[in-house]
């Protein structure tokens, strides 16, 4: 993480859907797993907005890099603040995580410091 730590300019909050049983009734709730996790969004593939009669949407497929030990899973909802680690106050953007891919250093991260998780990000948000 040595080299990658200074590259993480963004912050993310990780939410996960889980089951809650109350009085014998199971509901699904979105729970905060981690907040203020350093990361970086890169490889921006934002598509143009799509205007429809009832709504306008913005779709995006991007990639995120974060520490190898981050607890992020496929299907998690991520709220990412671009520039958040630099003190920028941009509005968080909501993404859905794809399956994380781990990139390990062959000597336990001691040589290059490049170990990280790569997570595909998918956004399909209503504009406005």
C-alpha atoms as a PDB file:
ATOM      1  CA  UNK A   1       0.000   0.000   0.000  1.00  0.00           C
ATOM      2  CA  UNK A   2       2.999   2.328   0.312  1.00  0.00           C
ATOM      3  CA  UNK A   3       3.060   3.639  -3.227  1.00  0.00           C
ATOM      4  CA  UNK A   4      -0.683   3.427  -3.812  1.00  0.00           C
ATOM      5  CA  UNK A   5      -1.675   5.296  -0.617  1.00  0.00           C
ATOM      6  CA  UNK A   6      -0.739   8.708  -2.026  1.00  0.00           C
ATOM      7  CA  UNK A   7      -2.627   7.910  -5.241  1.00  0.00           C
ATOM      8  CA  UNK A   8      -5.975   7.549  -3.427  1.00  0.00           C
ATOM      9  CA  UNK A   9      -7.536  10.991  -3.871  1.00  0.00           C
ATOM     10  CA  UNK A  10     -11.179   9.943  -3.423  1.00  0.00           C
ATOM     11  CA  UNK A  11     -13.209   8.639  -0.467  1.00  0.00           C
ATOM     12  CA  UNK A  12     -15.973   6.042  -0.475  1.00  0.00           C
ATOM     13  CA  UNK A  13     -18.707   4.874   1.850  1.00  0.00           C
ATOM     14  CA  UNK A  14     -19.622   1.198   1.451  1.00  0.00           C
ATOM     15  CA  UNK A  15     -23.203  -0.018   2.013  1.00  0.00           C
ATOM     16  CA  UNK A  16     -24.387  -3.633   1.861  1.00  0.00           C
ATOM     17  CA  UNK A  17     -27.839  -5.200   1.772  1.00  0.00           C
ATOM     18  CA  UNK A  18     -28.503  -7.612   4.611  1.00  0.00           C
ATOM     19  CA  UNK A  19     -31.455  -9.434   6.092  1.00  0.00           C
ATOM     20  CA  UNK A  20     -33.041  -8.240   9.328  1.00  0.00           C
ATOM     21  CA  UNK A  21     -35.604 -10.358  11.174  1.00  0.00           C
ATOM     22  CA  UNK A  22     -38.080  -8.494  13.396  1.00  0.00           C
ATOM     23  CA  UNK A  23     -40.997 -10.360  14.968  1.00  0.00           C
ATOM     24  CA  UNK A  24     -40.570 -13.184  12.483  1.00  0.00           C
ATOM     25  CA  UNK A  25     -40.626 -10.863   9.450  1.00  0.00           C
ATOM     26  CA  UNK A  26     -37.522 -10.678   7.293  1.00  0.00           C
ATOM     27  CA  UNK A  27     -36.712  -7.398   5.592  1.00  0.00           C
ATOM     28  CA  UNK A  28     -33.715  -6.295   3.613  1.00  0.00           C
ATOM     29  CA  UNK A  29     -31.879  -3.209   4.785  1.00  0.00           C
ATOM     30  CA  UNK A  30     -28.945  -1.219   3.449  1.00  0.00           C
ATOM     31  CA  UNK A  31     -26.272  -1.001   6.178  1.00  0.00           C
ATOM     32  CA  UNK A  32     -23.126   1.112   6.309  1.00  0.00           C
ATOM     33  CA  UNK A  33     -20.091  -1.203   6.249  1.00  0.00           C
ATOM     34  CA  UNK A  34     -17.284   1.395   6.087  1.00  0.00           C
ATOM     35  CA  UNK A  35     -17.019   5.159   5.757  1.00  0.00           C
ATOM     36  CA  UNK A  36     -14.271   7.434   4.420  1.00  0.00           C
ATOM     37  CA  UNK A  37     -12.322   4.631   2.715  1.00  0.00           C
ATOM     38  CA  UNK A  38      -9.465   6.014   0.563  1.00  0.00           C
ATOM     39  CA  UNK A  39      -9.760   5.054  -3.115  1.00  0.00           C
ATOM     40  CA  UNK A  40      -9.395   6.385  -6.639  1.00  0.00           C
ATOM     41  CA  UNK A  41     -11.849   6.324  -9.534  1.00  0.00           C
ATOM     42  CA  UNK A  42     -10.171   6.053 -12.921  1.00  0.00           C
ATOM     43  CA  UNK A  43     -10.895   4.907 -16.462  1.00  0.00           C
ATOM     44  CA  UNK A  44     -13.996   7.080 -16.781  1.00  0.00           C
ATOM     45  CA  UNK A  45     -16.518   5.645 -19.238  1.00  0.00           C
ATOM     46  CA  UNK A  46     -19.462   7.955 -18.582  1.00  0.00           C
ATOM     47  CA  UNK A  47     -22.096   7.798 -21.279  1.00  0.00           C
ATOM     48  CA  UNK A  48     -24.201  10.771 -22.225  1.00  0.00           C
ATOM     49  CA  UNK A  49     -27.412  11.353 -20.365  1.00  0.00           C
ATOM     50  CA  UNK A  50     -30.506   9.755 -21.805  1.00  0.00           C
ATOM     51  CA  UNK A  51     -33.615  11.946 -21.830  1.00  0.00           C
ATOM     52  CA  UNK A  52     -36.976  10.180 -21.733  1.00  0.00           C
ATOM     53  CA  UNK A  53     -40.509  11.452 -21.400  1.00  0.00           C
ATOM     54  CA  UNK A  54     -40.604  10.694 -17.673  1.00  0.00           C
ATOM     55  CA  UNK A  55     -36.945  10.834 -16.588  1.00  0.00           C
ATOM     56  CA  UNK A  56     -33.379  11.561 -17.584  1.00  0.00           C
ATOM     57  CA  UNK A  57     -30.690   9.044 -16.674  1.00  0.00           C
ATOM     58  CA  UNK A  58     -26.912   8.998 -16.634  1.00  0.00           C
ATOM     59  CA  UNK A  59     -25.077   5.701 -17.065  1.00  0.00           C
ATOM     60  CA  UNK A  60     -21.420   5.095 -16.349  1.00  0.00           C
ATOM     61  CA  UNK A  61     -18.932   2.247 -16.173  1.00  0.00           C
ATOM     62  CA  UNK A  62     -15.744   3.181 -14.383  1.00  0.00           C
ATOM     63  CA  UNK A  63     -13.010   1.506 -12.342  1.00  0.00           C
ATOM     64  CA  UNK A  64     -11.931   2.016  -8.769  1.00  0.00           C
ATOM     65  CA  UNK A  65      -8.694   1.156  -7.010  1.00  0.00           C
ATOM     66  CA  UNK A  66      -8.467   0.739  -3.217  1.00  0.00           C
ATOM     67  CA  UNK A  67      -6.435  -1.011  -0.550  1.00  0.00           C
ATOM     68  CA  UNK A  68      -6.168  -4.787  -0.949  1.00  0.00           C
ATOM     69  CA  UNK A  69      -7.778  -5.345   2.486  1.00  0.00           C
ATOM     70  CA  UNK A  70     -10.910  -3.263   1.839  1.00  0.00           C
ATOM     71  CA  UNK A  71     -14.162  -5.133   2.539  1.00  0.00           C
ATOM     72  CA  UNK A  72     -16.002  -4.411  -0.704  1.00  0.00           C
ATOM     73  CA  UNK A  73     -18.133  -7.068  -2.425  1.00  0.00           C
ATOM     74  CA  UNK A  74     -20.023  -7.498  -5.653  1.00  0.00           C
ATOM     75  CA  UNK A  75     -23.403  -5.757  -5.376  1.00  0.00           C
ATOM     76  CA  UNK A  76     -22.357  -3.294  -2.669  1.00  0.00           C
ATOM     77  CA  UNK A  77     -23.606   0.272  -3.032  1.00  0.00           C
ATOM     78  CA  UNK A  78     -20.711   2.730  -3.011  1.00  0.00           C
ATOM     79  CA  UNK A  79     -21.006   6.473  -2.497  1.00  0.00           C
ATOM     80  CA  UNK A  80     -17.789   8.011  -3.805  1.00  0.00           C
ATOM     81  CA  UNK A  81     -16.668  11.578  -3.193  1.00  0.00           C
ATOM     82  CA  UNK A  82     -14.200  12.567  -5.900  1.00  0.00           C
ATOM     83  CA  UNK A  83     -11.317  14.505  -4.361  1.00  0.00           C
ATOM     84  CA  UNK A  84     -12.595  13.733  -0.858  1.00  0.00           C
ATOM     85  CA  UNK A  85      -9.155  12.689   0.419  1.00  0.00           C
ATOM     86  CA  UNK A  86      -7.849  16.076  -0.755  1.00  0.00           C
ATOM     87  CA  UNK A  87     -10.480  17.988   1.193  1.00  0.00           C
ATOM     88  CA  UNK A  88     -12.696  18.708  -1.817  1.00  0.00           C
ATOM     89  CA  UNK A  89     -16.399  18.883  -1.048  1.00  0.00           C
ATOM     90  CA  UNK A  90     -17.928  17.434  -4.194  1.00  0.00           C
ATOM     91  CA  UNK A  91     -21.287  15.677  -4.085  1.00  0.00           C
ATOM     92  CA  UNK A  92     -20.939  11.870  -3.656  1.00  0.00           C
ATOM     93  CA  UNK A  93     -21.857   9.724  -6.668  1.00  0.00           C
ATOM     94  CA  UNK A  94     -23.704   6.406  -6.195  1.00  0.00           C
ATOM     95  CA  UNK A  95     -22.300   3.285  -7.863  1.00  0.00           C
ATOM     96  CA  UNK A  96     -22.893  -0.466  -7.678  1.00  0.00           C
ATOM     97  CA  UNK A  97     -19.727  -2.557  -7.282  1.00  0.00           C
ATOM     98  CA  UNK A  98     -18.844  -5.406  -9.604  1.00  0.00           C
ATOM     99  CA  UNK A  99     -16.766  -8.339  -8.383  1.00  0.00           C
ATOM    100  CA  UNK A 100     -13.457  -7.039  -6.949  1.00  0.00           C
ATOM    101  CA  UNK A 101     -10.228  -8.294  -8.490  1.00  0.00           C
ATOM    102  CA  UNK A 102      -7.174  -8.538  -6.218  1.00  0.00           C
ATOM    103  CA  UNK A 103      -3.750  -7.613  -7.551  1.00  0.00           C
ATOM    104  CA  UNK A 104      -1.096  -9.053  -5.247  1.00  0.00           C
ATOM    105  CA  UNK A 105       2.583  -8.213  -5.185  1.00  0.00           C
ATOM    106  CA  UNK A 106       4.653 -11.407  -5.562  1.00  0.00           C
ATOM    107  CA  UNK A 107       6.594 -10.653  -2.363  1.00  0.00           C
ATOM    108  CA  UNK A 108       3.712  -9.671  -0.099  1.00  0.00           C
ATOM    109  CA  UNK A 109       3.533  -6.017  -1.110  1.00  0.00           C
ATOM    110  CA  UNK A 110       6.940  -5.249   0.385  1.00  0.00           C
ATOM    111  CA  UNK A 111       8.765  -4.562  -2.873  1.00  0.00           C
ATOM    112  CA  UNK A 112       6.549  -2.439  -5.094  1.00  0.00           C
ATOM    113  CA  UNK A 113       3.719  -1.384  -2.803  1.00  0.00           C
ATOM    114  CA  UNK A 114       1.332  -1.822  -5.712  1.00  0.00           C
ATOM    115  CA  UNK A 115      -1.063  -4.348  -4.148  1.00  0.00           C
ATOM    116  CA  UNK A 116      -4.649  -3.194  -4.590  1.00  0.00           C
ATOM    117  CA  UNK A 117      -8.223  -4.164  -5.358  1.00  0.00           C
ATOM    118  CA  UNK A 118      -9.746  -3.150  -8.655  1.00  0.00           C
ATOM    119  CA  UNK A 119     -13.518  -2.780  -8.609  1.00  0.00           C
ATOM    120  CA  UNK A 120     -15.716  -2.138 -11.607  1.00  0.00           C
ATOM    121  CA  UNK A 121     -18.262   0.599 -10.912  1.00  0.00           C
ATOM    122  CA  UNK A 122     -21.680   0.773 -12.533  1.00  0.00           C
ATOM    123  CA  UNK A 123     -23.902   3.819 -12.303  1.00  0.00           C
ATOM    124  CA  UNK A 124     -27.419   4.158 -13.639  1.00  0.00           C
ATOM    125  CA  UNK A 125     -28.789   7.208 -11.867  1.00  0.00           C
ATOM    126  CA  UNK A 126     -31.714   9.507 -12.473  1.00  0.00           C
ATOM    127  CA  UNK A 127     -30.390  12.949 -13.387  1.00  0.00           C
ATOM    128  CA  UNK A 128     -31.385  16.007 -11.421  1.00  0.00           C
END
